[in-house]
N, C-alpha and C. Protein backbone atom coordinates (compact mmCIF):
# COMPACT_ATOMS: atom_id res chain seq x y z
N MET A 1 5.31 23.18 62.01
CA MET A 1 5.95 22.10 61.30
C MET A 1 5.20 21.88 59.99
N ASP A 2 5.95 21.77 58.91
CA ASP A 2 5.28 21.57 57.63
C ASP A 2 4.81 20.12 57.50
N GLU A 3 3.87 19.92 56.60
CA GLU A 3 3.22 18.62 56.44
C GLU A 3 4.20 17.53 56.02
N THR A 4 5.19 17.86 55.21
CA THR A 4 6.17 16.87 54.76
C THR A 4 6.97 16.33 55.93
N ARG A 5 7.44 17.21 56.79
CA ARG A 5 8.21 16.78 57.97
C ARG A 5 7.33 15.99 58.93
N GLU A 6 6.09 16.43 59.09
CA GLU A 6 5.16 15.72 59.98
C GLU A 6 4.91 14.31 59.46
N THR A 7 4.74 14.16 58.16
CA THR A 7 4.54 12.85 57.55
C THR A 7 5.77 11.98 57.73
N ALA A 8 6.96 12.54 57.57
CA ALA A 8 8.20 11.78 57.75
C ALA A 8 8.32 11.28 59.18
N TYR A 9 8.01 12.13 60.15
CA TYR A 9 8.06 11.69 61.55
C TYR A 9 7.00 10.62 61.81
N GLY A 10 5.84 10.76 61.24
CA GLY A 10 4.79 9.75 61.39
C GLY A 10 5.24 8.39 60.89
N ARG A 11 5.88 8.38 59.72
CA ARG A 11 6.40 7.11 59.17
C ARG A 11 7.48 6.54 60.08
N LEU A 12 8.37 7.39 60.58
CA LEU A 12 9.45 6.96 61.46
C LEU A 12 8.89 6.28 62.71
N LEU A 13 7.88 6.88 63.30
CA LEU A 13 7.34 6.38 64.57
C LEU A 13 6.45 5.16 64.41
N THR A 14 6.03 4.86 63.19
CA THR A 14 5.14 3.71 62.98
C THR A 14 5.80 2.59 62.18
N LEU A 15 7.11 2.60 62.06
CA LEU A 15 7.81 1.55 61.32
C LEU A 15 7.57 0.17 61.92
N GLY A 16 7.24 0.09 63.19
CA GLY A 16 7.01 -1.20 63.84
C GLY A 16 5.91 -2.00 63.17
N ALA A 17 4.85 -1.34 62.74
CA ALA A 17 3.77 -2.04 62.05
C ALA A 17 4.27 -2.66 60.75
N HIS A 18 5.16 -1.98 60.07
CA HIS A 18 5.73 -2.50 58.82
C HIS A 18 6.63 -3.71 59.12
N LEU A 19 7.43 -3.63 60.18
CA LEU A 19 8.29 -4.74 60.56
C LEU A 19 7.45 -5.95 60.98
N ARG A 20 6.36 -5.70 61.71
CA ARG A 20 5.45 -6.77 62.12
C ARG A 20 4.90 -7.50 60.89
N ARG A 21 4.45 -6.73 59.91
CA ARG A 21 3.89 -7.32 58.70
C ARG A 21 4.95 -8.18 57.99
N ALA A 22 6.20 -7.70 57.96
CA ALA A 22 7.27 -8.48 57.33
C ALA A 22 7.47 -9.82 58.04
N LEU A 23 7.39 -9.81 59.37
CA LEU A 23 7.54 -11.06 60.12
C LEU A 23 6.37 -12.01 59.86
N LEU A 24 5.17 -11.48 59.87
CA LEU A 24 3.99 -12.32 59.65
C LEU A 24 3.93 -12.86 58.23
N ASP A 25 4.48 -12.12 57.27
CA ASP A 25 4.50 -12.56 55.88
C ASP A 25 5.59 -13.60 55.62
N ASP A 26 6.56 -13.71 56.54
CA ASP A 26 7.66 -14.65 56.35
C ASP A 26 7.22 -16.05 56.82
N ALA A 27 7.25 -17.00 55.91
CA ALA A 27 6.78 -18.36 56.21
C ALA A 27 7.58 -19.02 57.34
N ALA A 28 8.89 -18.78 57.40
CA ALA A 28 9.71 -19.40 58.43
C ALA A 28 9.33 -18.91 59.82
N VAL A 29 8.97 -17.63 59.96
CA VAL A 29 8.55 -17.09 61.25
C VAL A 29 7.13 -17.53 61.57
N SER A 30 6.21 -17.35 60.63
CA SER A 30 4.81 -17.67 60.90
C SER A 30 4.57 -19.16 61.09
N GLU A 31 5.52 -19.99 60.69
CA GLU A 31 5.43 -21.43 60.96
C GLU A 31 5.51 -21.68 62.47
N LEU A 32 6.26 -20.83 63.19
CA LEU A 32 6.43 -21.00 64.63
C LEU A 32 5.44 -20.18 65.44
N THR A 33 5.08 -18.99 64.97
CA THR A 33 4.10 -18.18 65.68
C THR A 33 3.47 -17.15 64.75
N THR A 34 2.21 -16.86 65.00
CA THR A 34 1.53 -15.76 64.30
C THR A 34 1.15 -14.68 65.30
N ARG A 35 1.64 -14.82 66.52
CA ARG A 35 1.36 -13.84 67.57
C ARG A 35 2.55 -12.89 67.69
N VAL A 36 2.49 -11.81 66.92
CA VAL A 36 3.49 -10.75 66.96
C VAL A 36 2.70 -9.50 67.32
N ILE A 37 2.83 -9.06 68.57
CA ILE A 37 1.93 -8.03 69.10
C ILE A 37 2.72 -6.83 69.63
N PRO A 38 2.17 -5.63 69.43
CA PRO A 38 2.85 -4.44 69.96
C PRO A 38 2.70 -4.36 71.48
N VAL A 39 3.70 -3.88 72.15
CA VAL A 39 3.75 -3.63 73.58
C VAL A 39 2.76 -4.51 74.35
N VAL A 40 3.27 -5.56 74.94
CA VAL A 40 2.40 -6.53 75.61
C VAL A 40 1.53 -5.86 76.67
N THR A 41 0.25 -6.16 76.64
CA THR A 41 -0.68 -5.59 77.61
C THR A 41 -1.20 -6.64 78.57
N GLN A 42 -0.93 -7.89 78.28
CA GLN A 42 -1.35 -8.96 79.17
C GLN A 42 -0.32 -10.08 79.11
N THR A 43 -0.22 -10.85 80.18
CA THR A 43 0.78 -11.90 80.23
C THR A 43 0.17 -13.29 80.04
N ASP A 44 -1.08 -13.36 79.63
CA ASP A 44 -1.70 -14.67 79.44
C ASP A 44 -1.73 -15.09 77.97
N GLN A 45 -0.79 -14.62 77.19
CA GLN A 45 -0.69 -15.00 75.78
C GLN A 45 -0.25 -16.46 75.67
N GLN A 46 -0.73 -17.13 74.66
CA GLN A 46 -0.30 -18.49 74.39
C GLN A 46 1.09 -18.43 73.75
N MET A 47 2.02 -19.20 74.26
CA MET A 47 3.39 -19.20 73.73
C MET A 47 3.49 -20.13 72.53
N PRO A 48 4.42 -19.86 71.63
CA PRO A 48 5.34 -18.72 71.64
C PRO A 48 4.65 -17.46 71.14
N PHE A 49 5.15 -16.30 71.61
CA PHE A 49 4.68 -15.03 71.08
C PHE A 49 5.81 -14.02 71.09
N VAL A 50 5.63 -12.96 70.31
CA VAL A 50 6.64 -11.93 70.15
C VAL A 50 6.00 -10.59 70.43
N THR A 51 6.64 -9.78 71.27
CA THR A 51 6.19 -8.40 71.46
C THR A 51 7.22 -7.48 70.84
N TYR A 52 6.78 -6.30 70.47
CA TYR A 52 7.72 -5.33 69.92
C TYR A 52 7.31 -3.93 70.32
N TYR A 53 8.27 -3.05 70.41
CA TYR A 53 8.01 -1.64 70.70
C TYR A 53 9.24 -0.81 70.34
N ARG A 54 8.98 0.47 70.12
CA ARG A 54 10.05 1.41 69.81
C ARG A 54 10.67 1.86 71.13
N THR A 55 12.00 1.76 71.23
CA THR A 55 12.68 2.18 72.45
C THR A 55 13.27 3.57 72.33
N GLY A 56 13.34 4.09 71.11
CA GLY A 56 13.88 5.42 70.96
C GLY A 56 14.08 5.81 69.52
N VAL A 57 14.49 7.06 69.36
CA VAL A 57 14.82 7.60 68.04
C VAL A 57 16.14 8.35 68.21
N GLU A 58 17.07 8.07 67.32
CA GLU A 58 18.37 8.70 67.37
C GLU A 58 18.56 9.58 66.15
N SER A 59 19.23 10.71 66.34
CA SER A 59 19.61 11.56 65.23
C SER A 59 21.05 11.26 64.86
N VAL A 60 21.26 10.96 63.59
CA VAL A 60 22.60 10.63 63.11
C VAL A 60 23.06 11.77 62.21
N PRO A 61 24.14 12.48 62.59
CA PRO A 61 24.62 13.58 61.76
C PRO A 61 25.06 13.10 60.37
N VAL A 62 24.74 13.89 59.37
CA VAL A 62 25.19 13.61 58.01
C VAL A 62 25.80 14.87 57.42
N LYS A 63 26.69 14.71 56.47
CA LYS A 63 27.39 15.85 55.88
C LYS A 63 26.49 16.73 55.05
N THR A 64 25.38 16.18 54.55
CA THR A 64 24.56 16.91 53.60
C THR A 64 23.48 17.79 54.22
N GLY A 65 23.45 17.92 55.54
CA GLY A 65 22.46 18.83 56.13
C GLY A 65 21.74 18.23 57.32
N ALA A 66 20.40 18.17 57.23
CA ALA A 66 19.58 17.70 58.35
C ALA A 66 19.97 16.28 58.74
N PRO A 67 19.99 16.02 60.06
CA PRO A 67 20.38 14.68 60.50
C PRO A 67 19.40 13.61 60.03
N SER A 68 19.92 12.43 59.84
CA SER A 68 19.10 11.28 59.49
C SER A 68 18.52 10.71 60.79
N ARG A 69 17.31 10.21 60.75
CA ARG A 69 16.66 9.66 61.94
C ARG A 69 16.65 8.14 61.88
N VAL A 70 17.04 7.53 62.99
CA VAL A 70 17.04 6.08 63.12
C VAL A 70 16.14 5.73 64.29
N SER A 71 15.16 4.86 64.07
CA SER A 71 14.34 4.41 65.18
C SER A 71 14.87 3.07 65.66
N VAL A 72 14.79 2.85 66.96
CA VAL A 72 15.31 1.64 67.58
C VAL A 72 14.11 0.83 68.08
N TRP A 73 14.05 -0.43 67.64
CA TRP A 73 12.92 -1.31 67.95
C TRP A 73 13.41 -2.53 68.70
N GLN A 74 12.68 -2.89 69.74
CA GLN A 74 13.01 -4.08 70.51
C GLN A 74 11.93 -5.14 70.30
N PHE A 75 12.36 -6.35 69.99
CA PHE A 75 11.48 -7.50 69.84
C PHE A 75 11.82 -8.50 70.94
N ASN A 76 10.81 -8.92 71.70
CA ASN A 76 10.99 -9.91 72.75
C ASN A 76 10.27 -11.19 72.34
N VAL A 77 11.02 -12.28 72.28
CA VAL A 77 10.50 -13.58 71.88
C VAL A 77 10.28 -14.40 73.15
N TYR A 78 9.02 -14.73 73.45
CA TYR A 78 8.66 -15.50 74.64
C TYR A 78 8.36 -16.94 74.25
N THR A 79 9.07 -17.89 74.88
CA THR A 79 8.85 -19.31 74.59
C THR A 79 8.97 -20.11 75.88
N ALA A 80 8.34 -21.28 75.88
CA ALA A 80 8.41 -22.17 77.04
C ALA A 80 9.76 -22.89 77.09
N GLU A 81 10.35 -23.14 75.93
CA GLU A 81 11.63 -23.85 75.85
C GLU A 81 12.70 -22.93 75.27
N TRP A 82 13.89 -22.98 75.82
CA TRP A 82 14.98 -22.11 75.38
C TRP A 82 15.31 -22.33 73.90
N THR A 83 15.43 -23.60 73.47
CA THR A 83 15.81 -23.87 72.08
C THR A 83 14.77 -23.35 71.10
N GLU A 84 13.50 -23.41 71.46
CA GLU A 84 12.42 -22.87 70.62
C GLU A 84 12.59 -21.36 70.44
N GLY A 85 12.97 -20.67 71.51
CA GLY A 85 13.18 -19.23 71.45
C GLY A 85 14.36 -18.85 70.58
N VAL A 86 15.44 -19.61 70.69
CA VAL A 86 16.62 -19.34 69.87
C VAL A 86 16.27 -19.53 68.39
N GLU A 87 15.52 -20.58 68.08
CA GLU A 87 15.15 -20.84 66.69
C GLU A 87 14.26 -19.71 66.14
N LEU A 88 13.26 -19.30 66.91
CA LEU A 88 12.38 -18.22 66.45
C LEU A 88 13.16 -16.91 66.33
N ALA A 89 14.03 -16.61 67.29
CA ALA A 89 14.84 -15.39 67.23
C ALA A 89 15.73 -15.39 65.99
N ALA A 90 16.31 -16.55 65.67
CA ALA A 90 17.15 -16.64 64.47
C ALA A 90 16.34 -16.38 63.20
N ARG A 91 15.12 -16.87 63.17
CA ARG A 91 14.26 -16.63 62.00
C ARG A 91 13.87 -15.16 61.88
N ILE A 92 13.63 -14.52 63.02
CA ILE A 92 13.32 -13.09 63.00
C ILE A 92 14.53 -12.30 62.49
N CYS A 93 15.71 -12.65 62.97
CA CYS A 93 16.93 -11.98 62.50
C CYS A 93 17.10 -12.16 61.00
N ALA A 94 16.87 -13.37 60.52
CA ALA A 94 17.02 -13.64 59.09
C ALA A 94 16.04 -12.82 58.26
N THR A 95 14.87 -12.53 58.82
CA THR A 95 13.86 -11.75 58.12
C THR A 95 14.16 -10.25 58.14
N LEU A 96 14.55 -9.74 59.31
CA LEU A 96 14.68 -8.28 59.46
C LEU A 96 16.08 -7.74 59.23
N ASP A 97 17.11 -8.48 59.62
CA ASP A 97 18.47 -7.95 59.50
C ASP A 97 18.83 -7.80 58.02
N GLY A 98 19.12 -6.59 57.62
CA GLY A 98 19.44 -6.30 56.22
C GLY A 98 18.22 -5.99 55.36
N MET A 99 17.04 -5.96 55.96
CA MET A 99 15.82 -5.68 55.22
C MET A 99 15.87 -4.30 54.56
N ARG A 100 15.46 -4.25 53.30
CA ARG A 100 15.33 -3.00 52.54
C ARG A 100 14.13 -3.15 51.63
N ASP A 101 13.30 -2.11 51.60
CA ASP A 101 12.15 -2.13 50.69
C ASP A 101 11.68 -0.69 50.47
N ASP A 102 10.47 -0.52 50.01
CA ASP A 102 9.96 0.82 49.72
C ASP A 102 9.77 1.67 50.97
N THR A 103 9.65 1.05 52.15
CA THR A 103 9.43 1.78 53.40
C THR A 103 10.70 1.86 54.24
N VAL A 104 11.49 0.80 54.22
CA VAL A 104 12.68 0.71 55.07
C VAL A 104 13.94 0.86 54.22
N ARG A 105 14.74 1.87 54.55
CA ARG A 105 16.01 2.07 53.85
C ARG A 105 17.06 1.11 54.39
N MET A 106 17.02 0.87 55.71
CA MET A 106 18.02 0.02 56.35
C MET A 106 17.44 -0.52 57.65
N CYS A 107 17.65 -1.81 57.89
CA CYS A 107 17.28 -2.44 59.15
C CYS A 107 18.44 -3.35 59.53
N ARG A 108 18.98 -3.14 60.73
CA ARG A 108 20.12 -3.96 61.13
C ARG A 108 19.99 -4.38 62.59
N LEU A 109 20.44 -5.60 62.85
CA LEU A 109 20.46 -6.11 64.22
C LEU A 109 21.54 -5.35 64.98
N ALA A 110 21.15 -4.69 66.07
CA ALA A 110 22.10 -3.91 66.86
C ALA A 110 22.53 -4.64 68.13
N ASP A 111 21.64 -5.53 68.65
CA ASP A 111 21.96 -6.21 69.90
C ASP A 111 21.03 -7.41 70.06
N ALA A 112 21.50 -8.39 70.81
CA ALA A 112 20.69 -9.56 71.14
C ALA A 112 21.06 -10.01 72.55
N ALA A 113 20.05 -10.36 73.33
CA ALA A 113 20.27 -10.81 74.70
C ALA A 113 19.23 -11.87 75.03
N GLU A 114 19.43 -12.55 76.14
CA GLU A 114 18.44 -13.54 76.57
C GLU A 114 18.26 -13.44 78.07
N ASN A 115 17.07 -13.90 78.49
CA ASN A 115 16.71 -13.80 79.89
C ASN A 115 15.63 -14.83 80.17
N HIS A 116 15.20 -14.90 81.40
CA HIS A 116 14.07 -15.74 81.78
C HIS A 116 13.10 -14.85 82.54
N ASP A 117 11.84 -14.88 82.18
CA ASP A 117 10.83 -14.06 82.84
C ASP A 117 9.98 -14.94 83.75
N PRO A 118 10.23 -14.89 85.08
CA PRO A 118 9.47 -15.75 85.99
C PRO A 118 8.00 -15.33 86.13
N ASN A 119 7.66 -14.12 85.70
CA ASN A 119 6.27 -13.67 85.79
C ASN A 119 5.38 -14.34 84.76
N VAL A 120 5.96 -14.79 83.63
CA VAL A 120 5.12 -15.36 82.57
C VAL A 120 4.84 -16.84 82.80
N PRO A 121 5.70 -17.76 83.18
CA PRO A 121 7.15 -17.84 83.06
C PRO A 121 7.54 -18.22 81.64
N ALA A 122 8.69 -17.71 81.22
CA ALA A 122 9.11 -17.96 79.85
C ALA A 122 10.60 -17.64 79.71
N PHE A 123 11.19 -18.23 78.67
CA PHE A 123 12.50 -17.80 78.23
C PHE A 123 12.28 -16.65 77.28
N VAL A 124 13.14 -15.65 77.35
CA VAL A 124 12.97 -14.45 76.52
C VAL A 124 14.24 -14.18 75.74
N GLN A 125 14.10 -14.11 74.42
CA GLN A 125 15.19 -13.67 73.54
C GLN A 125 14.86 -12.23 73.16
N THR A 126 15.76 -11.31 73.44
CA THR A 126 15.54 -9.90 73.15
C THR A 126 16.42 -9.48 71.98
N LEU A 127 15.79 -8.95 70.94
CA LEU A 127 16.48 -8.51 69.74
C LEU A 127 16.26 -7.02 69.56
N THR A 128 17.31 -6.27 69.33
CA THR A 128 17.21 -4.84 69.12
C THR A 128 17.65 -4.52 67.70
N PHE A 129 16.78 -3.81 66.97
CA PHE A 129 17.07 -3.45 65.59
C PHE A 129 17.09 -1.93 65.44
N GLU A 130 18.02 -1.43 64.66
CA GLU A 130 18.04 -0.03 64.27
C GLU A 130 17.46 0.05 62.87
N VAL A 131 16.48 0.93 62.70
CA VAL A 131 15.75 1.01 61.44
C VAL A 131 15.75 2.45 60.94
N ARG A 132 16.14 2.61 59.69
CA ARG A 132 16.09 3.91 59.03
C ARG A 132 15.03 3.81 57.95
N GLY A 133 14.01 4.64 58.07
CA GLY A 133 12.93 4.64 57.08
C GLY A 133 13.28 5.52 55.88
N ARG A 134 12.50 5.35 54.84
CA ARG A 134 12.66 6.21 53.66
C ARG A 134 11.89 7.50 53.91
N GLU A 135 12.47 8.61 53.54
CA GLU A 135 11.83 9.91 53.78
C GLU A 135 11.11 10.40 52.56
């Protein structure tokens, strides 16, 4: 594999760190929480907190040759109160949905769901984003 392709895959697989930084830099999100952590490793986090991880990479065929790569990221918003979770999830959507910059060509909300996690215990808002990085 040539270095250019390897670098492109590296950027694709690490877009989560860039999305995390965008959330932490957004005043509306950081007003509610500064705990945005990759793949939760412990359940004793102080609420509210957000976990995120890449759930997959999809190849999207294009007419011009090599397929475009889209990474899929899941953000889980953990809160003690349901309304607090909805508010934080809405702020995350406002920050990431439609995001474009030097690193991200396209970021769009693909799905949203909610649940209750009795193990934490917490209300959980799950947001799924499809992200296409710049190559």
